[in-house]
Amino acid sequence: MIKQLKIENFKCFDAETTFDLSKVNLFVGYNGRGKSSVIQSFLLLCQSICHYGKLHTLEVNGEYVQLGLFEDLLSATRQTKSPIRFKINTDQQEGHDVLLAYEEDSDAERLGKLSELNVDGMEYLGKTVSSLDGTKTLQVTFESDRYPEGVNDILKKCGYVAADRRGPVLYEEKRDSNPNNPVGKNGENVLNSIAKKKELQKEINHWVGYIMDGGGLALQGEKKDSAVLSLNMEMPNSKNKRSFKSINCGFGYSYVLSIVVNALTMEKGTLIVENPEAHLHPAAQLRLAELLARVSSKGIQIFIETHSEHIVNGFRIYALRDDIERGCDDISIYYFDENYGINPLKVERNGRIKNWPKGFFDQFEWEMTEIIKLGSKIKTQ
């Protein structure tokens, strides 16, 4: 598990910014204040490992994220082009402290080139050291390709469900996918993933029906020679148990399916979900939080960017439930306020948040107050 992340000179993070992490990590707050940038720091490293098999090149435009040029990643407030730095602390024996620094690759402006690599206190990049009088030069060479494999393992297994995931489709072509993120960030391989995990199809069906308050799914085309898969949905309370093609069942089922399949097919690593609440009724959001809480208790570290109080409250509720091996101290919440402040919120053992800041999910109370105030001025018959 990743216990701490430090970011420096990356997008809105100029000075070194520290995030103490837990088994469940929730990033909430105002738009455009850095929530996505924290997520992107992980995704950049993950896609670089998946693409190159090592961390010597930072892939700015890859399978997970496409962020333009390397210079677009640098903090706008820096006066010089100093490197981007990521520091990662983990709970594993090999690779428990990792420092990665990247500068722009002079041969490819869309790539970053590793300029510093320190793993568990050992430098893994070559350096040139000059003598005091400048007459002699000593070349010190380190085996930069042989840093501990555990560093790759930290970042390789990363399931990612993007905010703009795919809605319902008529069919999906049969194909292979990235084993590190088999569902695809937009859910483009979700049916292929279900087809390859026959032993989980019943459980997937159960959770979709539970979250959506009824309904079931049936995968079509698994045994056919055709090169496509399709999905039929049995809607709740439909007469004669009639099933429908997924394209006629709304976005909620398709949006939640990508998350459910990712959660149930991952065996270890990190699961990152953006806006899990999209297209979901508040009750469905709460049940989805239950699934993710249960998954986190089995060793999957969860990162969520959300604007939903139901998602946040769901994790607080399920941390208090006796049937889920998860406690309130396993939850980290970071609130990004309107002034670019980053506020770590402490979830107490009783599920309460003592340091509740202004602007943190208090919009409903403000709206109700405003309705009562304005409504009191109107005469009723």
Protein backbone atom coordinates (compact mmCIF):
# COMPACT_ATOMS: atom_id res chain seq x y z
CA MET A 1 0.00 0.00 0.00
CA ILE A 2 1.13 3.55 -0.72
CA LYS A 3 1.29 5.35 2.64
CA GLN A 4 2.39 8.78 1.49
CA LEU A 5 2.75 10.80 -1.69
CA LYS A 6 4.71 14.03 -2.08
CA ILE A 7 4.35 16.15 -5.23
CA GLU A 8 6.58 19.06 -6.23
CA ASN A 9 6.53 21.36 -9.29
CA PHE A 10 3.64 19.46 -10.87
CA LYS A 11 0.78 21.56 -12.23
CA CYS A 12 -0.79 23.47 -9.30
CA PHE A 13 1.61 21.96 -6.77
CA ASP A 14 4.59 24.34 -6.71
CA ALA A 15 6.18 23.64 -3.35
CA GLU A 16 6.38 20.07 -2.10
CA THR A 17 2.87 18.99 -1.05
CA THR A 18 2.32 15.93 1.13
CA PHE A 19 -0.63 13.54 1.10
CA ASP A 20 -0.80 10.95 3.87
CA LEU A 21 -2.75 8.05 2.44
CA SER A 22 -4.89 5.22 3.77
CA LYS A 23 -6.67 2.20 2.37
CA VAL A 24 -9.48 4.48 1.18
CA ASN A 25 -8.63 7.98 -0.09
CA LEU A 26 -11.28 10.54 -1.00
CA PHE A 27 -10.52 13.79 -2.81
CA VAL A 28 -13.36 16.31 -2.69
CA GLY A 29 -13.88 20.05 -3.13
CA TYR A 30 -14.04 22.86 -5.63
CA ASN A 31 -13.42 22.36 -9.34
CA GLY A 32 -10.00 23.19 -10.74
CA ARG A 33 -8.21 23.13 -7.37
CA GLY A 34 -5.93 20.10 -7.80
CA LYS A 35 -7.97 16.96 -7.13
CA SER A 36 -7.42 15.58 -10.63
CA SER A 37 -3.74 16.51 -10.53
CA VAL A 38 -3.17 14.21 -7.56
CA ILE A 39 -4.85 11.38 -9.46
CA GLN A 40 -2.86 12.20 -12.62
CA SER A 41 0.46 11.95 -10.79
CA PHE A 42 -0.30 8.27 -10.13
CA LEU A 43 -1.63 7.67 -13.62
CA LEU A 44 1.45 9.18 -15.31
CA LEU A 45 3.73 6.79 -13.43
CA CYS A 46 1.41 3.83 -14.02
CA GLN A 47 1.20 4.35 -17.77
CA SER A 48 4.96 4.87 -17.98
CA ILE A 49 5.60 1.53 -16.26
CA CYS A 50 3.03 -0.24 -18.46
CA HIS A 51 4.46 1.26 -21.66
CA TYR A 52 8.22 1.02 -21.04
CA GLY A 53 8.51 -1.56 -18.28
CA LYS A 54 10.56 0.89 -16.22
CA LEU A 55 10.42 4.46 -14.93
CA HIS A 56 13.20 6.10 -16.95
CA THR A 57 10.72 7.80 -19.28
CA LEU A 58 7.62 9.70 -18.17
CA GLU A 59 4.91 9.03 -20.74
CA VAL A 60 2.85 12.23 -20.84
CA ASN A 61 0.34 10.90 -23.37
CA GLY A 62 -0.58 7.28 -22.83
CA GLU A 63 -3.37 4.84 -22.12
CA TYR A 64 -4.51 6.45 -18.88
CA VAL A 65 -4.07 10.19 -19.45
CA GLN A 66 -3.10 12.55 -22.27
CA LEU A 67 -1.72 15.81 -20.89
CA GLY A 68 0.00 17.46 -23.86
CA LEU A 69 3.65 18.49 -23.61
CA PHE A 70 5.99 17.90 -20.70
CA GLU A 71 6.22 21.64 -20.12
CA ASP A 72 2.44 21.68 -19.59
CA LEU A 73 2.98 19.64 -16.42
CA LEU A 74 5.32 22.16 -14.78
CA SER A 75 4.10 24.55 -12.13
CA ALA A 76 3.31 27.93 -13.66
CA THR A 77 4.76 29.80 -10.67
CA ARG A 78 8.30 28.43 -10.97
CA GLN A 79 10.86 30.86 -12.35
CA THR A 80 13.15 28.11 -13.60
CA LYS A 81 12.46 24.79 -15.25
CA SER A 82 13.31 22.65 -12.26
CA PRO A 83 12.30 18.98 -12.38
CA ILE A 84 8.99 17.48 -11.34
CA ARG A 85 9.42 15.36 -8.24
CA PHE A 86 7.34 12.53 -6.86
CA LYS A 87 8.17 10.93 -3.52
CA ILE A 88 6.38 7.73 -2.58
CA ASN A 89 6.44 5.95 0.75
CA THR A 90 4.99 2.43 0.95
CA ASP A 91 4.52 -0.35 3.49
CA GLN A 92 6.54 -2.89 1.53
CA GLN A 93 10.02 -4.01 2.42
CA GLU A 94 11.52 -3.40 -1.03
CA GLY A 95 10.78 0.05 -2.38
CA HIS A 96 9.44 1.61 0.81
CA ASP A 97 10.91 5.03 -0.06
CA VAL A 98 11.10 6.15 -3.69
CA LEU A 99 12.13 9.52 -5.14
CA LEU A 100 11.53 10.15 -8.84
CA ALA A 101 12.45 13.41 -10.61
CA TYR A 102 11.82 14.19 -14.28
CA GLU A 103 13.03 16.85 -16.68
CA GLU A 104 11.91 17.44 -20.24
CA ASP A 105 13.50 15.03 -22.71
CA SER A 106 15.54 17.20 -25.08
CA ASP A 107 14.75 14.80 -27.93
CA ALA A 108 11.00 14.55 -27.31
CA GLU A 109 9.06 17.44 -25.81
CA ARG A 110 6.13 15.14 -25.03
CA LEU A 111 8.24 12.97 -22.73
CA GLY A 112 9.95 13.36 -19.40
CA LYS A 113 13.45 12.02 -18.75
CA LEU A 114 14.38 10.64 -15.34
CA SER A 115 16.94 12.92 -13.67
CA GLU A 116 16.86 11.54 -10.12
CA LEU A 117 16.08 8.06 -8.82
CA ASN A 118 16.55 7.17 -5.19
CA VAL A 119 15.15 3.91 -3.81
CA ASP A 120 15.43 3.15 -0.09
CA GLY A 121 18.30 5.63 0.29
CA MET A 122 20.32 4.44 -2.71
CA GLU A 123 20.93 6.49 -5.85
CA TYR A 124 20.33 4.66 -9.12
CA LEU A 125 21.47 7.18 -11.73
CA GLY A 126 25.01 7.82 -12.96
CA LYS A 127 26.75 11.04 -11.95
CA THR A 128 29.90 12.86 -13.02
CA VAL A 129 32.05 14.27 -10.21
CA SER A 130 34.87 16.77 -10.91
CA SER A 131 37.95 17.20 -8.74
CA LEU A 132 38.48 20.43 -6.82
CA ASP A 133 41.05 21.83 -9.27
CA GLY A 134 38.96 20.81 -12.27
CA THR A 135 41.76 18.80 -13.87
CA LYS A 136 40.31 15.35 -13.35
CA THR A 137 36.86 13.90 -13.77
CA LEU A 138 35.57 10.76 -12.15
CA GLN A 139 32.65 8.96 -13.77
CA VAL A 140 30.51 7.25 -11.15
CA THR A 141 28.16 4.71 -12.72
CA PHE A 142 25.16 3.14 -11.05
CA GLU A 143 23.08 0.33 -12.51
CA SER A 144 20.02 2.43 -13.21
CA ASP A 145 18.10 -0.43 -14.84
CA ARG A 146 18.44 -2.64 -11.78
CA TYR A 147 16.49 -0.77 -9.16
CA PRO A 148 14.26 -3.04 -7.02
CA GLU A 149 11.42 -4.64 -8.96
CA GLY A 150 9.13 -3.84 -6.05
CA VAL A 151 9.06 -0.23 -7.25
CA ASN A 152 7.40 -1.33 -10.50
CA ASP A 153 4.94 -3.52 -8.60
CA ILE A 154 3.77 -0.53 -6.57
CA LEU A 155 2.68 1.33 -9.69
CA LYS A 156 1.88 -1.36 -12.24
CA LYS A 157 -1.38 -2.80 -10.95
CA CYS A 158 -3.68 0.17 -11.39
CA GLY A 159 -7.34 -0.14 -12.29
CA TYR A 160 -8.69 3.20 -13.51
CA VAL A 161 -12.26 4.27 -14.20
CA ALA A 162 -12.36 7.75 -15.74
CA ALA A 163 -15.11 10.30 -15.30
CA ASP A 164 -15.98 10.18 -19.02
CA ARG A 165 -16.55 6.44 -19.12
CA ARG A 166 -18.52 4.86 -21.90
CA GLY A 167 -22.28 4.69 -21.78
CA PRO A 168 -24.43 1.84 -23.11
CA VAL A 169 -23.43 0.40 -26.50
CA LEU A 170 -25.06 -2.00 -28.94
CA TYR A 171 -22.08 -4.36 -28.95
CA GLU A 172 -18.39 -4.70 -28.13
CA GLU A 173 -15.78 -6.37 -30.32
CA LYS A 174 -13.99 -9.38 -28.86
CA ARG A 175 -10.37 -8.41 -28.20
CA ASP A 176 -7.48 -8.64 -25.78
CA SER A 177 -6.83 -5.81 -23.33
CA ASN A 178 -4.19 -4.38 -21.03
CA PRO A 179 -3.79 -6.95 -18.22
CA ASN A 180 -3.01 -4.15 -15.76
CA ASN A 181 -6.26 -2.30 -16.54
CA PRO A 182 -8.38 -4.88 -18.39
CA VAL A 183 -11.70 -3.04 -18.25
CA GLY A 184 -10.21 0.08 -19.84
CA LYS A 185 -10.35 3.57 -18.37
CA ASN A 186 -13.61 4.34 -20.19
CA GLY A 187 -15.07 0.85 -19.77
CA GLU A 188 -14.39 0.02 -23.41
CA ASN A 189 -13.45 -3.57 -22.55
CA VAL A 190 -15.98 -4.26 -19.83
CA LEU A 191 -17.85 -7.02 -21.71
CA ASN A 192 -14.60 -8.76 -22.67
CA SER A 193 -13.57 -8.65 -19.01
CA ILE A 194 -16.86 -10.21 -17.92
CA ALA A 195 -16.55 -12.93 -20.57
CA LYS A 196 -13.05 -13.86 -19.35
CA LYS A 197 -14.14 -14.01 -15.69
CA LYS A 198 -16.96 -16.53 -15.88
CA GLU A 199 -16.50 -17.46 -12.23
CA LEU A 200 -17.35 -13.87 -11.24
CA GLN A 201 -20.37 -13.34 -13.48
CA LYS A 202 -22.84 -14.31 -10.75
CA GLU A 203 -21.21 -11.93 -8.28
CA ILE A 204 -21.09 -9.12 -10.83
CA ASN A 205 -24.78 -9.68 -11.52
CA HIS A 206 -25.55 -9.62 -7.80
CA TRP A 207 -23.78 -6.31 -7.18
CA VAL A 208 -25.27 -4.57 -10.21
CA GLY A 209 -28.73 -5.64 -9.12
CA TYR A 210 -28.08 -4.61 -5.51
CA ILE A 211 -26.67 -1.18 -6.37
CA MET A 212 -29.38 -0.40 -8.94
CA ASP A 213 -32.18 -1.77 -6.74
CA GLY A 214 -33.08 -4.62 -9.05
CA GLY A 215 -32.38 -5.82 -12.53
CA GLY A 216 -29.92 -8.30 -13.91
CA LEU A 217 -27.56 -8.64 -16.84
CA ALA A 218 -26.96 -11.38 -19.36
CA LEU A 219 -23.93 -11.47 -21.65
CA GLN A 220 -24.68 -12.47 -25.24
CA GLY A 221 -22.30 -13.91 -27.83
CA GLU A 222 -19.77 -15.70 -25.62
CA LYS A 223 -20.17 -19.04 -27.38
CA LYS A 224 -20.79 -17.70 -30.86
CA ASP A 225 -18.23 -17.43 -33.63
CA SER A 226 -19.12 -13.80 -34.17
CA ALA A 227 -16.54 -11.25 -33.11
CA VAL A 228 -18.85 -9.25 -30.86
CA LEU A 229 -20.36 -9.36 -27.38
CA SER A 230 -23.59 -7.66 -26.36
CA LEU A 231 -25.42 -7.10 -23.10
CA ASN A 232 -29.07 -7.58 -22.23
CA MET A 233 -30.55 -6.13 -19.06
CA GLU A 234 -33.54 -7.46 -17.14
CA MET A 235 -35.13 -4.38 -15.67
CA PRO A 236 -36.66 -4.36 -12.17
CA ASN A 237 -40.42 -4.78 -11.97
CA SER A 238 -40.68 -5.29 -15.73
CA LYS A 239 -43.67 -7.37 -16.82
CA ASN A 240 -43.02 -10.94 -17.95
CA LYS A 241 -39.34 -10.62 -16.96
CA ARG A 242 -38.63 -9.04 -20.30
CA SER A 243 -35.01 -8.16 -21.05
CA PHE A 244 -33.75 -5.19 -23.05
CA LYS A 245 -30.58 -4.32 -24.89
CA SER A 246 -28.36 -2.21 -22.66
CA ILE A 247 -28.70 0.79 -24.98
CA ASN A 248 -32.36 0.98 -23.96
CA CYS A 249 -31.70 0.91 -20.21
CA GLY A 250 -30.15 4.28 -19.43
CA PHE A 251 -26.64 5.33 -18.51
CA GLY A 252 -26.67 4.32 -14.84
CA TYR A 253 -26.27 0.59 -15.45
CA SER A 254 -23.39 1.01 -17.89
CA TYR A 255 -21.63 3.59 -15.73
CA VAL A 256 -21.78 1.45 -12.61
CA LEU A 257 -20.87 -1.74 -14.48
CA SER A 258 -17.33 -0.49 -15.24
CA ILE A 259 -16.71 0.16 -11.55
CA VAL A 260 -18.23 -3.13 -10.38
CA VAL A 261 -16.21 -5.23 -12.84
CA ASN A 262 -12.99 -3.40 -11.97
CA ALA A 263 -13.60 -3.83 -8.25
CA LEU A 264 -14.40 -7.54 -8.47
CA THR A 265 -11.70 -8.57 -10.96
CA MET A 266 -8.74 -6.86 -9.26
CA GLU A 267 -6.73 -9.05 -6.90
CA LYS A 268 -4.23 -6.46 -5.69
CA GLY A 269 -2.98 -2.97 -6.44
CA THR A 270 -4.75 0.36 -6.73
CA LEU A 271 -8.23 1.21 -7.98
CA ILE A 272 -8.80 4.83 -9.04
CA VAL A 273 -12.37 5.98 -9.73
CA GLU A 274 -13.39 9.44 -10.88
CA ASN A 275 -16.90 10.61 -10.07
CA PRO A 276 -18.39 7.23 -9.14
CA GLU A 277 -21.69 9.01 -8.50
CA ALA A 278 -22.26 9.86 -12.19
CA HIS A 279 -25.79 8.95 -13.38
CA LEU A 280 -26.63 7.26 -10.07
CA HIS A 281 -29.49 7.85 -7.64
CA PRO A 282 -28.27 8.76 -4.11
CA ALA A 283 -29.29 5.33 -2.76
CA ALA A 284 -27.30 3.65 -5.54
CA GLN A 285 -24.28 5.82 -4.70
CA LEU A 286 -24.44 4.62 -1.10
CA ARG A 287 -24.55 0.97 -2.16
CA LEU A 288 -21.66 1.48 -4.56
CA ALA A 289 -19.63 2.88 -1.65
CA GLU A 290 -20.38 -0.36 0.19
CA LEU A 291 -18.88 -2.43 -2.62
CA LEU A 292 -15.74 -0.29 -2.70
CA ALA A 293 -15.44 -0.44 1.10
CA ARG A 294 -15.62 -4.24 0.99
CA VAL A 295 -13.04 -4.39 -1.81
CA SER A 296 -10.65 -2.15 0.15
CA SER A 297 -10.85 -4.56 3.09
CA LYS A 298 -9.41 -7.26 0.81
CA GLY A 299 -6.20 -5.40 -0.03
CA ILE A 300 -7.15 -3.06 -2.89
CA GLN A 301 -6.17 0.55 -2.18
CA ILE A 302 -8.95 2.91 -3.27
CA PHE A 303 -8.59 6.46 -4.65
CA ILE A 304 -11.78 8.39 -5.42
CA GLU A 305 -12.38 11.86 -6.75
CA THR A 306 -15.96 12.82 -6.00
CA HIS A 307 -18.45 15.65 -5.60
CA SER A 308 -20.97 13.48 -3.80
CA GLU A 309 -21.68 13.62 -0.08
CA HIS A 310 -23.44 10.25 -0.45
CA ILE A 311 -20.19 8.59 -1.53
CA VAL A 312 -18.27 10.19 1.35
CA ASN A 313 -20.99 9.39 3.89
CA GLY A 314 -21.21 5.85 2.54
CA PHE A 315 -17.60 5.15 3.46
CA ARG A 316 -18.17 6.66 6.90
CA ILE A 317 -21.20 4.43 7.43
CA TYR A 318 -19.54 1.25 6.25
CA ALA A 319 -16.47 1.97 8.37
CA LEU A 320 -18.78 1.67 11.37
CA ARG A 321 -20.48 -1.53 10.25
CA ASP A 322 -19.45 -4.73 12.03
CA ASP A 323 -19.71 -6.88 8.89
CA ILE A 324 -17.00 -4.95 7.00
CA GLU A 325 -13.35 -5.17 8.03
CA ARG A 326 -12.70 -1.49 7.69
CA GLY A 327 -12.39 1.25 10.31
CA CYS A 328 -12.62 5.02 10.25
CA ASP A 329 -8.85 5.28 10.62
CA ASP A 330 -8.57 3.56 7.22
CA ILE A 331 -10.12 6.59 5.49
CA SER A 332 -8.26 9.71 4.33
CA ILE A 333 -10.28 12.70 3.10
CA TYR A 334 -8.73 15.73 1.44
CA TYR A 335 -10.88 18.81 0.87
CA PHE A 336 -9.65 21.27 -1.79
CA ASP A 337 -11.12 24.66 -0.96
CA GLU A 338 -11.83 27.68 -3.15
CA ASN A 339 -8.53 29.35 -2.17
CA TYR A 340 -6.43 26.36 -3.31
CA GLY A 341 -6.01 25.24 0.27
CA ILE A 342 -5.72 21.49 0.86
CA ASN A 343 -7.43 20.41 4.06
CA PRO A 344 -6.88 16.90 5.45
CA LEU A 345 -10.04 15.90 7.35
CA LYS A 346 -9.89 13.55 10.29
CA VAL A 347 -12.58 10.87 10.49
CA GLU A 348 -12.98 10.01 14.16
CA ARG A 349 -13.56 6.47 15.39
CA ASN A 350 -17.27 7.26 15.73
CA GLY A 351 -17.46 8.34 12.08
CA ARG A 352 -17.68 12.06 12.78
CA ILE A 353 -15.48 14.74 11.25
CA LYS A 354 -14.41 17.29 13.85
CA ASN A 355 -12.54 19.73 11.63
CA TRP A 356 -15.46 20.23 9.21
CA PRO A 357 -14.46 23.20 7.01
CA LYS A 358 -16.73 25.78 5.46
CA GLY A 359 -17.79 24.72 1.97
CA PHE A 360 -17.45 20.99 2.65
CA PHE A 361 -20.83 19.53 1.66
CA ASP A 362 -22.81 22.30 3.35
CA GLN A 363 -24.55 23.47 0.18
CA PHE A 364 -27.80 21.70 1.05
CA GLU A 365 -28.12 23.54 4.37
CA TRP A 366 -27.45 26.86 2.65
CA GLU A 367 -30.06 26.15 -0.04
CA MET A 368 -32.71 25.17 2.53
CA THR A 369 -31.99 28.32 4.52
CA GLU A 370 -32.31 30.41 1.37
CA ILE A 371 -35.63 28.77 0.39
CA ILE A 372 -37.08 29.37 3.85
CA LYS A 373 -35.86 32.98 3.88
CA LEU A 374 -37.19 33.81 0.41
CA GLY A 375 -40.34 31.75 0.85
CA SER A 376 -41.28 33.61 4.02
CA LYS A 377 -41.70 36.79 1.95
CA ILE A 378 -44.35 35.25 -0.28
CA LYS A 379 -47.95 35.36 0.82
CA THR A 380 -49.79 32.05 0.46
CA GLN A 381 -53.54 31.57 0.08
